[in-house]
């Protein structure tokens, strides 16, 4: 029985490592794609789902379910592509849907020079804990929205730091429930 549980724990740890690797790869791909789209002034809207489920938002677009690559992101947002005007939803390191419609913010204090894409980024961040990345097609500036506010014209380093927080949060949530010799990491005894 002991070896059975050890095998289950090893299998679980391998799954968690693979999950973290997927998230890391998706972050790298999005950063690369945002850099390329920024240089070419290609507008985009990328939503990283966290704890708040965005299933209803995903249903407003086209379901994709694919590995995140910079090429895929670039193709989705290529001007005149069928889904380029909507948002991409990324969950657990995978593109879930593209061409999604997001709610616009009703906040009157948002700068009047922000267009629909940026207002949608703020809007979804008001009703969820998602991190939303936005590339302006007018300026090429990369911005991110979270918690109902937007930070504009961020560097690649700032973008990567914000996305790394998603990965760190996922790792922390996973570790909370990892079994460790009959106890969870948070110290509580596991029921048998």
N, C-alpha and C. Protein backbone atom coordinates (compact mmCIF):
# COMPACT_ATOMS: atom_id res chain seq x y z
N UNK A 1 0.83 -1.19 0.00
CA UNK A 1 0.00 0.00 0.00
C UNK A 1 0.88 1.25 0.00
N UNK A 2 1.97 1.21 0.76
CA UNK A 2 2.88 2.36 0.83
C UNK A 2 3.37 2.74 -0.57
N UNK A 3 3.79 1.72 -1.36
CA UNK A 3 4.30 2.00 -2.71
C UNK A 3 3.21 2.53 -3.62
N UNK A 4 1.99 2.08 -3.40
CA UNK A 4 0.86 2.57 -4.18
C UNK A 4 0.70 4.08 -3.99
N UNK A 5 0.74 4.53 -2.73
CA UNK A 5 0.60 5.96 -2.44
C UNK A 5 1.79 6.76 -2.97
N UNK A 6 2.99 6.19 -2.86
CA UNK A 6 4.19 6.87 -3.38
C UNK A 6 4.05 7.06 -4.89
N UNK A 7 3.57 6.03 -5.59
CA UNK A 7 3.37 6.14 -7.04
C UNK A 7 2.32 7.20 -7.38
N UNK A 8 1.27 7.26 -6.60
CA UNK A 8 0.23 8.27 -6.82
C UNK A 8 0.83 9.66 -6.62
N UNK A 9 1.61 9.84 -5.56
CA UNK A 9 2.23 11.14 -5.30
C UNK A 9 3.20 11.53 -6.40
N UNK A 10 4.00 10.57 -6.87
CA UNK A 10 4.94 10.85 -7.96
C UNK A 10 4.20 11.23 -9.23
N UNK A 11 3.10 10.52 -9.51
CA UNK A 11 2.29 10.82 -10.69
C UNK A 11 1.70 12.22 -10.58
N UNK A 12 1.19 12.56 -9.38
CA UNK A 12 0.60 13.87 -9.14
C UNK A 12 1.66 14.96 -9.30
N UNK A 13 2.85 14.76 -8.73
CA UNK A 13 3.93 15.74 -8.85
C UNK A 13 4.35 15.93 -10.30
N UNK A 14 4.38 14.85 -11.07
CA UNK A 14 4.73 14.94 -12.50
C UNK A 14 3.67 15.76 -13.24
N UNK A 15 2.40 15.54 -12.93
CA UNK A 15 1.33 16.32 -13.55
C UNK A 15 1.45 17.79 -13.20
N UNK A 16 1.76 18.08 -11.93
CA UNK A 16 1.92 19.47 -11.50
C UNK A 16 3.09 20.13 -12.21
N UNK A 17 4.20 19.39 -12.38
CA UNK A 17 5.37 19.93 -13.07
C UNK A 17 5.02 20.22 -14.53
N UNK A 18 4.30 19.31 -15.16
CA UNK A 18 3.89 19.52 -16.55
C UNK A 18 2.97 20.72 -16.67
N UNK A 19 2.07 20.90 -15.71
CA UNK A 19 1.16 22.04 -15.69
C UNK A 19 1.94 23.35 -15.59
N UNK A 20 2.91 23.38 -14.68
CA UNK A 20 3.73 24.58 -14.52
C UNK A 20 4.54 24.86 -15.78
N UNK A 21 5.02 23.82 -16.42
CA UNK A 21 5.79 23.98 -17.66
C UNK A 21 4.91 24.58 -18.76
N UNK A 22 3.66 24.12 -18.84
CA UNK A 22 2.71 24.67 -19.83
C UNK A 22 2.48 26.16 -19.58
N UNK A 23 2.30 26.51 -18.32
CA UNK A 23 2.06 27.92 -17.98
C UNK A 23 3.29 28.76 -18.31
N UNK A 24 4.47 28.26 -17.96
CA UNK A 24 5.71 28.98 -18.26
C UNK A 24 5.87 29.19 -19.76
N UNK A 25 5.63 28.14 -20.53
CA UNK A 25 5.74 28.24 -21.99
C UNK A 25 4.72 29.22 -22.56
N UNK A 26 3.51 29.24 -22.01
CA UNK A 26 2.50 30.17 -22.51
C UNK A 26 2.88 31.61 -22.21
N UNK A 27 3.48 31.85 -21.05
CA UNK A 27 3.94 33.19 -20.70
C UNK A 27 5.02 33.65 -21.66
N UNK A 28 5.99 32.77 -21.92
CA UNK A 28 7.06 33.11 -22.86
C UNK A 28 6.50 33.40 -24.25
N UNK A 29 5.55 32.58 -24.70
CA UNK A 29 4.96 32.76 -26.02
C UNK A 29 4.20 34.08 -26.12
N UNK A 30 3.44 34.41 -25.07
CA UNK A 30 2.67 35.66 -25.08
C UNK A 30 3.60 36.87 -25.05
N UNK A 31 4.64 36.81 -24.24
CA UNK A 31 5.60 37.93 -24.21
C UNK A 31 6.24 38.15 -25.58
N UNK A 32 6.65 37.06 -26.21
CA UNK A 32 7.25 37.17 -27.55
C UNK A 32 6.24 37.74 -28.54
N UNK A 33 5.02 37.22 -28.54
CA UNK A 33 3.99 37.68 -29.46
C UNK A 33 3.67 39.16 -29.24
N UNK A 34 3.58 39.56 -27.97
CA UNK A 34 3.27 40.97 -27.67
C UNK A 34 4.38 41.88 -28.16
N UNK A 35 5.63 41.46 -28.02
CA UNK A 35 6.75 42.24 -28.53
C UNK A 35 6.66 42.42 -30.03
N UNK A 36 6.35 41.33 -30.73
CA UNK A 36 6.24 41.38 -32.19
C UNK A 36 5.05 42.23 -32.63
N UNK A 37 3.90 42.07 -31.95
CA UNK A 37 2.72 42.85 -32.32
C UNK A 37 2.92 44.32 -31.99
N UNK A 38 3.63 44.60 -30.91
CA UNK A 38 3.93 45.98 -30.54
C UNK A 38 4.77 46.65 -31.63
N UNK A 39 5.79 45.94 -32.10
CA UNK A 39 6.66 46.48 -33.15
C UNK A 39 5.88 46.78 -34.43
N UNK A 40 4.90 45.93 -34.73
CA UNK A 40 4.12 46.08 -35.97
C UNK A 40 2.82 46.86 -35.78
N UNK A 41 2.58 47.30 -34.53
CA UNK A 41 1.34 48.00 -34.18
C UNK A 41 0.09 47.20 -34.56
N UNK A 42 0.09 45.97 -34.12
CA UNK A 42 -1.06 45.08 -34.32
C UNK A 42 -1.80 45.00 -32.98
N UNK A 43 -3.05 45.40 -32.97
CA UNK A 43 -3.85 45.40 -31.75
C UNK A 43 -4.18 43.99 -31.29
N UNK A 44 -4.19 43.80 -29.98
CA UNK A 44 -4.55 42.49 -29.43
C UNK A 44 -5.10 42.63 -28.02
N UNK A 45 -5.80 41.60 -27.59
CA UNK A 45 -6.42 41.55 -26.28
C UNK A 45 -6.34 40.11 -25.79
N UNK A 46 -5.53 39.89 -24.75
CA UNK A 46 -5.25 38.53 -24.27
C UNK A 46 -5.62 38.45 -22.79
N UNK A 47 -6.50 37.52 -22.46
CA UNK A 47 -7.01 37.38 -21.09
C UNK A 47 -6.45 36.09 -20.48
N UNK A 48 -5.79 36.23 -19.34
CA UNK A 48 -5.32 35.07 -18.60
C UNK A 48 -6.32 34.79 -17.48
N UNK A 49 -7.06 33.69 -17.62
CA UNK A 49 -8.02 33.29 -16.59
C UNK A 49 -7.27 32.82 -15.36
N UNK A 50 -7.76 33.24 -14.19
CA UNK A 50 -7.16 32.79 -12.93
C UNK A 50 -8.22 32.00 -12.16
N UNK A 51 -8.65 32.48 -11.01
CA UNK A 51 -9.64 31.75 -10.20
C UNK A 51 -11.07 31.94 -10.72
N UNK A 52 -11.40 33.14 -11.19
CA UNK A 52 -12.73 33.40 -11.72
C UNK A 52 -12.89 32.70 -13.05
N UNK A 53 -13.86 31.83 -13.16
CA UNK A 53 -14.08 31.07 -14.40
C UNK A 53 -14.71 31.98 -15.45
N UNK A 54 -14.20 31.89 -16.67
CA UNK A 54 -14.66 32.74 -17.77
C UNK A 54 -15.33 31.93 -18.88
N UNK A 55 -15.98 30.85 -18.49
CA UNK A 55 -16.65 29.98 -19.45
C UNK A 55 -17.67 30.69 -20.31
N UNK A 56 -18.46 31.57 -19.70
CA UNK A 56 -19.50 32.29 -20.46
C UNK A 56 -18.86 33.26 -21.46
N UNK A 57 -17.77 33.89 -21.07
CA UNK A 57 -17.05 34.79 -21.98
C UNK A 57 -16.45 33.97 -23.12
N UNK A 58 -15.87 32.82 -22.80
CA UNK A 58 -15.27 31.96 -23.84
C UNK A 58 -16.30 31.57 -24.88
N UNK A 59 -17.54 31.34 -24.45
CA UNK A 59 -18.60 30.91 -25.37
C UNK A 59 -18.98 31.99 -26.38
N UNK A 60 -18.59 33.26 -26.13
CA UNK A 60 -18.91 34.33 -27.08
C UNK A 60 -17.98 34.30 -28.29
N UNK A 61 -16.92 33.50 -28.20
CA UNK A 61 -15.96 33.41 -29.30
C UNK A 61 -15.95 32.02 -29.91
N UNK A 62 -14.84 31.69 -30.51
CA UNK A 62 -14.64 30.38 -31.12
C UNK A 62 -13.78 29.54 -30.20
N UNK A 63 -14.27 28.36 -29.83
CA UNK A 63 -13.51 27.48 -28.96
C UNK A 63 -12.29 26.95 -29.74
N UNK A 64 -11.11 26.98 -29.08
CA UNK A 64 -9.87 26.63 -29.76
C UNK A 64 -9.21 25.42 -29.11
N UNK A 65 -8.91 25.49 -27.81
CA UNK A 65 -8.21 24.43 -27.08
C UNK A 65 -6.91 24.02 -27.76
N UNK A 66 -5.90 24.89 -27.67
CA UNK A 66 -4.61 24.63 -28.30
C UNK A 66 -3.47 25.13 -27.42
N UNK A 67 -2.30 24.61 -27.68
CA UNK A 67 -1.09 25.06 -27.00
C UNK A 67 -0.82 26.50 -27.41
N UNK A 68 -0.40 27.32 -26.46
CA UNK A 68 -0.10 28.73 -26.74
C UNK A 68 1.28 28.82 -27.38
N UNK A 69 1.32 29.39 -28.58
CA UNK A 69 2.60 29.70 -29.24
C UNK A 69 2.53 31.15 -29.71
N UNK A 70 3.69 31.76 -29.87
CA UNK A 70 3.70 33.14 -30.35
C UNK A 70 3.12 33.22 -31.76
N UNK A 71 3.35 32.18 -32.56
CA UNK A 71 2.82 32.15 -33.93
C UNK A 71 1.29 32.09 -33.92
N UNK A 72 0.73 31.28 -33.02
CA UNK A 72 -0.73 31.18 -32.95
C UNK A 72 -1.33 32.53 -32.54
N UNK A 73 -0.76 33.15 -31.52
CA UNK A 73 -1.26 34.45 -31.08
C UNK A 73 -1.16 35.46 -32.22
N UNK A 74 -0.02 35.48 -32.91
CA UNK A 74 0.17 36.38 -34.04
C UNK A 74 -0.85 36.15 -35.14
N UNK A 75 -1.14 34.89 -35.43
CA UNK A 75 -2.12 34.57 -36.49
C UNK A 75 -3.53 34.98 -36.09
N UNK A 76 -3.88 34.79 -34.84
CA UNK A 76 -5.22 35.17 -34.39
C UNK A 76 -5.43 36.67 -34.55
N UNK A 77 -4.42 37.46 -34.18
CA UNK A 77 -4.57 38.91 -34.20
C UNK A 77 -4.08 39.57 -35.49
N UNK A 78 -3.71 38.77 -36.46
CA UNK A 78 -3.29 39.34 -37.75
C UNK A 78 -4.46 40.15 -38.31
N UNK A 79 -4.20 41.41 -38.73
CA UNK A 79 -5.29 42.25 -39.24
C UNK A 79 -6.07 41.54 -40.36
N UNK A 80 -7.35 41.64 -40.29
CA UNK A 80 -8.30 41.03 -41.23
C UNK A 80 -8.53 39.54 -40.98
N UNK A 81 -7.83 38.96 -40.00
CA UNK A 81 -8.12 37.57 -39.64
C UNK A 81 -9.50 37.54 -38.99
N UNK A 82 -10.24 36.44 -39.13
CA UNK A 82 -11.62 36.39 -38.64
C UNK A 82 -11.81 36.73 -37.15
N UNK A 83 -10.82 36.40 -36.31
CA UNK A 83 -11.01 36.60 -34.87
C UNK A 83 -10.16 37.74 -34.31
N UNK A 84 -9.57 38.56 -35.15
CA UNK A 84 -8.60 39.55 -34.67
C UNK A 84 -9.21 40.65 -33.79
N UNK A 85 -10.49 40.91 -33.90
CA UNK A 85 -11.10 41.98 -33.12
C UNK A 85 -11.51 41.56 -31.71
N UNK A 86 -11.60 40.29 -31.46
CA UNK A 86 -12.03 39.83 -30.14
C UNK A 86 -10.84 39.54 -29.24
N UNK A 87 -11.13 38.94 -28.11
CA UNK A 87 -10.10 38.60 -27.13
C UNK A 87 -9.77 37.11 -27.18
N UNK A 88 -8.56 36.79 -26.79
CA UNK A 88 -8.13 35.41 -26.61
C UNK A 88 -8.20 35.11 -25.12
N UNK A 89 -8.74 33.94 -24.78
CA UNK A 89 -8.79 33.50 -23.38
C UNK A 89 -7.76 32.39 -23.21
N UNK A 90 -6.85 32.56 -22.24
CA UNK A 90 -5.84 31.54 -21.94
C UNK A 90 -6.11 31.02 -20.54
N UNK A 91 -6.16 29.70 -20.45
CA UNK A 91 -6.42 29.05 -19.16
C UNK A 91 -5.45 27.89 -19.00
N UNK A 92 -4.76 27.86 -17.88
CA UNK A 92 -3.83 26.77 -17.56
C UNK A 92 -2.87 26.48 -18.70
N UNK A 93 -2.35 27.54 -19.31
CA UNK A 93 -1.34 27.39 -20.34
C UNK A 93 -1.86 27.00 -21.71
N UNK A 94 -3.16 27.09 -21.94
CA UNK A 94 -3.74 26.75 -23.24
C UNK A 94 -4.67 27.85 -23.73
N UNK A 95 -4.71 28.03 -25.05
CA UNK A 95 -5.69 28.94 -25.63
C UNK A 95 -7.02 28.21 -25.60
N UNK A 96 -7.97 28.75 -24.87
CA UNK A 96 -9.29 28.14 -24.74
C UNK A 96 -10.20 28.61 -25.86
N UNK A 97 -10.19 29.91 -26.12
CA UNK A 97 -11.10 30.48 -27.12
C UNK A 97 -10.48 31.75 -27.69
N UNK A 98 -10.96 32.14 -28.86
CA UNK A 98 -10.50 33.37 -29.51
C UNK A 98 -11.70 34.08 -30.11
N UNK A 99 -11.54 35.37 -30.36
CA UNK A 99 -12.64 36.17 -30.91
C UNK A 99 -13.74 36.43 -29.89
N UNK A 100 -13.38 36.43 -28.62
CA UNK A 100 -14.37 36.59 -27.54
C UNK A 100 -14.74 38.05 -27.32
N UNK A 101 -15.97 38.26 -26.91
CA UNK A 101 -16.48 39.60 -26.62
C UNK A 101 -16.42 39.82 -25.11
N UNK A 102 -15.77 40.91 -24.71
CA UNK A 102 -15.62 41.23 -23.30
C UNK A 102 -16.53 42.39 -22.93
N UNK A 103 -16.94 42.45 -21.66
CA UNK A 103 -17.75 43.59 -21.22
C UNK A 103 -16.89 44.85 -21.15
N UNK A 104 -17.45 45.98 -21.55
CA UNK A 104 -16.73 47.25 -21.47
C UNK A 104 -16.90 47.85 -20.09
N UNK A 105 -15.88 48.57 -19.65
CA UNK A 105 -15.98 49.26 -18.37
C UNK A 105 -16.97 50.42 -18.48
N UNK A 106 -17.64 50.68 -17.39
CA UNK A 106 -18.53 51.84 -17.32
C UNK A 106 -17.87 52.98 -16.56
N UNK A 107 -16.61 52.80 -16.18
CA UNK A 107 -15.88 53.78 -15.40
C UNK A 107 -15.65 55.06 -16.21
N UNK A 108 -16.23 56.16 -15.75
CA UNK A 108 -16.13 57.45 -16.45
C UNK A 108 -14.76 58.11 -16.23
N UNK A 109 -13.99 57.61 -15.27
CA UNK A 109 -12.69 58.20 -14.97
C UNK A 109 -11.57 57.65 -15.86
N UNK A 110 -11.88 56.65 -16.65
CA UNK A 110 -10.88 56.10 -17.58
C UNK A 110 -10.56 57.16 -18.62
N UNK A 111 -9.30 57.26 -18.98
CA UNK A 111 -8.85 58.27 -19.95
C UNK A 111 -9.66 58.19 -21.25
N UNK A 112 -10.04 59.33 -21.75
CA UNK A 112 -10.86 59.39 -22.97
C UNK A 112 -10.08 58.97 -24.21
N UNK A 113 -8.76 58.91 -24.13
CA UNK A 113 -7.99 58.49 -25.30
C UNK A 113 -7.87 56.96 -25.42
N UNK A 114 -8.47 56.23 -24.46
CA UNK A 114 -8.47 54.77 -24.56
C UNK A 114 -9.64 54.30 -25.41
N UNK A 115 -9.35 53.39 -26.32
CA UNK A 115 -10.38 52.87 -27.21
C UNK A 115 -11.11 51.67 -26.63
N UNK A 116 -11.89 51.04 -27.48
CA UNK A 116 -12.73 49.91 -27.08
C UNK A 116 -11.90 48.75 -26.53
N UNK A 117 -10.78 48.45 -27.17
CA UNK A 117 -9.95 47.32 -26.73
C UNK A 117 -9.51 47.52 -25.27
N UNK A 118 -9.02 48.72 -24.95
CA UNK A 118 -8.56 49.00 -23.59
C UNK A 118 -9.73 49.03 -22.60
N UNK A 119 -10.87 49.55 -23.04
CA UNK A 119 -12.05 49.58 -22.17
C UNK A 119 -12.56 48.17 -21.88
N UNK A 120 -12.42 47.29 -22.85
CA UNK A 120 -12.80 45.89 -22.64
C UNK A 120 -11.82 45.22 -21.67
N UNK A 121 -10.54 45.56 -21.78
CA UNK A 121 -9.54 44.99 -20.87
C UNK A 121 -9.86 45.37 -19.43
N UNK A 122 -10.19 46.64 -19.21
CA UNK A 122 -10.54 47.09 -17.87
C UNK A 122 -11.86 46.46 -17.44
N UNK A 123 -12.82 46.38 -18.36
CA UNK A 123 -14.14 45.82 -18.04
C UNK A 123 -14.08 44.41 -17.52
N UNK A 124 -13.33 43.52 -18.18
CA UNK A 124 -13.26 42.13 -17.71
C UNK A 124 -12.48 42.04 -16.41
N UNK A 125 -11.52 42.96 -16.22
CA UNK A 125 -10.75 42.93 -14.97
C UNK A 125 -11.56 43.45 -13.79
N UNK A 126 -12.66 44.16 -14.06
CA UNK A 126 -13.55 44.63 -12.99
C UNK A 126 -14.44 43.51 -12.47
N UNK A 127 -14.76 42.55 -13.33
CA UNK A 127 -15.71 41.50 -12.95
C UNK A 127 -15.04 40.14 -12.73
N UNK A 128 -13.71 40.11 -12.82
CA UNK A 128 -12.98 38.86 -12.60
C UNK A 128 -11.59 39.19 -12.04
N UNK A 129 -10.85 38.15 -11.69
CA UNK A 129 -9.48 38.35 -11.24
C UNK A 129 -8.48 38.13 -12.36
N UNK A 130 -8.96 38.14 -13.60
CA UNK A 130 -8.11 37.90 -14.77
C UNK A 130 -7.06 38.99 -14.92
N UNK A 131 -5.94 38.61 -15.52
CA UNK A 131 -4.93 39.57 -15.95
C UNK A 131 -5.10 39.69 -17.46
N UNK A 132 -5.23 40.92 -17.94
CA UNK A 132 -5.55 41.17 -19.35
C UNK A 132 -4.43 41.99 -19.97
N UNK A 133 -3.92 41.51 -21.09
CA UNK A 133 -2.86 42.22 -21.81
C UNK A 133 -3.47 42.80 -23.07
N UNK A 134 -3.09 44.03 -23.35
CA UNK A 134 -3.65 44.77 -24.46
C UNK A 134 -2.51 45.43 -25.24
N UNK A 135 -2.48 45.24 -26.57
CA UNK A 135 -1.52 45.94 -27.42
C UNK A 135 -2.31 46.93 -28.27
N UNK A 136 -1.88 48.18 -28.24
CA UNK A 136 -2.56 49.23 -29.00
C UNK A 136 -2.15 49.20 -30.46
N UNK A 137 -3.14 49.22 -31.36
CA UNK A 137 -2.80 49.26 -32.77
C UNK A 137 -2.41 50.66 -33.22
N UNK A 138 -2.72 51.67 -32.42
CA UNK A 138 -2.36 53.04 -32.77
C UNK A 138 -0.93 53.38 -32.35
N UNK A 139 -0.56 53.00 -31.12
CA UNK A 139 0.77 53.36 -30.60
C UNK A 139 1.74 52.18 -30.52
N UNK A 140 1.21 50.97 -30.50
CA UNK A 140 2.05 49.79 -30.29
C UNK A 140 2.37 49.56 -28.83
N UNK A 141 1.87 50.41 -27.94
CA UNK A 141 2.13 50.25 -26.51
C UNK A 141 1.45 49.01 -25.97
N UNK A 142 2.15 48.34 -25.06
CA UNK A 142 1.59 47.18 -24.37
C UNK A 142 1.12 47.65 -22.99
N UNK A 143 -0.10 47.27 -22.63
CA UNK A 143 -0.68 47.63 -21.34
C UNK A 143 -1.24 46.36 -20.70
N UNK A 144 -1.48 46.42 -19.40
CA UNK A 144 -2.18 45.32 -18.75
C UNK A 144 -3.22 45.89 -17.81
N UNK A 145 -4.30 45.14 -17.65
CA UNK A 145 -5.38 45.53 -16.74
C UNK A 145 -5.58 44.42 -15.72
N UNK A 146 -5.79 44.83 -14.48
CA UNK A 146 -6.15 43.89 -13.42
C UNK A 146 -6.83 44.69 -12.32
N UNK A 147 -7.78 44.07 -11.67
CA UNK A 147 -8.47 44.71 -10.56
C UNK A 147 -9.17 46.01 -10.91
N UNK A 148 -9.60 46.15 -12.17
CA UNK A 148 -10.35 47.33 -12.58
C UNK A 148 -9.50 48.54 -12.94
N UNK A 149 -8.18 48.36 -13.00
CA UNK A 149 -7.33 49.49 -13.42
C UNK A 149 -6.38 49.03 -14.52
N UNK A 150 -5.86 49.98 -15.25
CA UNK A 150 -4.98 49.67 -16.37
C UNK A 150 -3.63 50.36 -16.18
N UNK A 151 -2.58 49.63 -16.50
CA UNK A 151 -1.21 50.18 -16.47
C UNK A 151 -0.74 50.20 -17.91
N UNK A 152 -0.43 51.39 -18.39
CA UNK A 152 -0.16 51.58 -19.81
C UNK A 152 1.33 51.64 -20.12
N UNK A 153 1.66 51.32 -21.36
CA UNK A 153 3.02 51.43 -21.91
C UNK A 153 4.05 50.75 -21.01
N UNK A 154 3.86 49.46 -20.77
CA UNK A 154 4.79 48.71 -19.93
C UNK A 154 5.91 48.12 -20.78
N UNK A 155 7.04 47.90 -20.14
CA UNK A 155 8.17 47.27 -20.82
C UNK A 155 7.97 45.76 -20.87
N UNK A 156 8.79 45.09 -21.65
CA UNK A 156 8.74 43.62 -21.70
C UNK A 156 9.02 43.03 -20.32
N UNK A 157 9.93 43.67 -19.59
CA UNK A 157 10.28 43.18 -18.26
C UNK A 157 9.09 43.30 -17.30
N UNK A 158 8.38 44.44 -17.36
CA UNK A 158 7.20 44.62 -16.51
C UNK A 158 6.11 43.61 -16.87
N UNK A 159 5.92 43.40 -18.17
CA UNK A 159 4.91 42.43 -18.63
C UNK A 159 5.24 41.04 -18.12
N UNK A 160 6.49 40.65 -18.28
CA UNK A 160 6.91 39.32 -17.84
C UNK A 160 6.73 39.17 -16.32
N UNK A 161 7.01 40.23 -15.57
CA UNK A 161 6.85 40.19 -14.10
C UNK A 161 5.38 39.99 -13.72
N UNK A 162 4.47 40.66 -14.42
CA UNK A 162 3.04 40.49 -14.13
C UNK A 162 2.58 39.07 -14.46
N UNK A 163 3.04 38.55 -15.59
CA UNK A 163 2.66 37.20 -15.99
C UNK A 163 3.27 36.16 -15.06
N UNK A 164 4.47 36.43 -14.56
CA UNK A 164 5.11 35.49 -13.63
C UNK A 164 4.29 35.35 -12.36
N UNK A 165 3.55 36.39 -11.98
CA UNK A 165 2.70 36.31 -10.79
C UNK A 165 1.61 35.26 -10.98
N UNK A 166 1.12 35.11 -12.21
CA UNK A 166 0.12 34.07 -12.49
C UNK A 166 0.73 32.71 -12.22
N UNK A 167 1.93 32.50 -12.71
CA UNK A 167 2.61 31.23 -12.53
C UNK A 167 2.87 30.96 -11.06
N UNK A 168 3.33 31.98 -10.34
CA UNK A 168 3.61 31.81 -8.91
C UNK A 168 2.35 31.51 -8.12
N UNK A 169 1.24 32.18 -8.47
CA UNK A 169 -0.04 31.93 -7.79
C UNK A 169 -0.50 30.50 -8.04
N UNK A 170 -0.34 30.03 -9.27
CA UNK A 170 -0.74 28.66 -9.61
C UNK A 170 0.10 27.67 -8.82
N UNK A 171 1.41 27.92 -8.74
CA UNK A 171 2.29 27.03 -7.98
C UNK A 171 1.89 26.99 -6.51
N UNK A 172 1.59 28.15 -5.93
CA UNK A 172 1.21 28.22 -4.52
C UNK A 172 -0.09 27.45 -4.27
N UNK A 173 -1.08 27.63 -5.17
CA UNK A 173 -2.35 26.92 -5.01
C UNK A 173 -2.16 25.42 -5.11
N UNK A 174 -1.26 24.99 -6.00
CA UNK A 174 -0.99 23.57 -6.16
C UNK A 174 -0.31 23.02 -4.92
N UNK A 175 0.66 23.75 -4.39
CA UNK A 175 1.41 23.27 -3.23
C UNK A 175 0.55 23.16 -1.99
N UNK A 176 -0.46 23.98 -1.85
CA UNK A 176 -1.31 23.96 -0.67
C UNK A 176 -1.94 22.59 -0.46
N UNK A 177 -2.17 21.88 -1.54
CA UNK A 177 -2.89 20.62 -1.43
C UNK A 177 -2.02 19.42 -1.79
N UNK A 178 -0.71 19.61 -1.79
CA UNK A 178 0.20 18.50 -2.05
C UNK A 178 0.33 17.66 -0.79
N UNK A 179 0.18 16.36 -0.94
CA UNK A 179 0.32 15.46 0.20
C UNK A 179 1.77 15.32 0.59
N UNK A 180 2.03 15.26 1.87
CA UNK A 180 3.38 15.10 2.35
C UNK A 180 3.34 14.22 3.58
N UNK A 181 3.62 12.92 3.39
CA UNK A 181 3.62 11.96 4.49
C UNK A 181 2.37 12.04 5.35
N UNK A 182 1.21 11.96 4.73
CA UNK A 182 -0.04 11.93 5.47
C UNK A 182 -0.55 13.30 5.89
N UNK A 183 0.17 14.36 5.53
CA UNK A 183 -0.26 15.72 5.85
C UNK A 183 -0.19 16.56 4.58
N UNK A 184 -1.11 17.51 4.52
CA UNK A 184 -1.00 18.49 3.44
C UNK A 184 0.12 19.44 3.81
N UNK A 185 0.60 20.18 2.83
CA UNK A 185 1.69 21.10 3.11
C UNK A 185 1.29 22.17 4.11
N UNK A 186 -0.02 22.47 4.19
CA UNK A 186 -0.46 23.47 5.14
C UNK A 186 -0.53 22.90 6.57
N UNK A 187 -0.12 21.62 6.72
CA UNK A 187 -0.01 21.04 8.05
C UNK A 187 -1.21 20.23 8.50
N UNK A 188 -2.34 20.33 7.80
CA UNK A 188 -3.53 19.59 8.22
C UNK A 188 -3.38 18.11 7.89
N UNK A 189 -3.91 17.28 8.79
CA UNK A 189 -3.87 15.84 8.58
C UNK A 189 -4.79 15.44 7.44
N UNK A 190 -4.33 14.49 6.64
CA UNK A 190 -5.14 13.99 5.54
C UNK A 190 -6.08 12.93 6.07
N UNK A 191 -7.35 13.03 5.70
CA UNK A 191 -8.35 12.03 6.13
C UNK A 191 -8.14 10.77 5.34
N UNK A 192 -8.25 9.62 6.01
CA UNK A 192 -8.07 8.34 5.32
C UNK A 192 -9.37 7.58 5.24
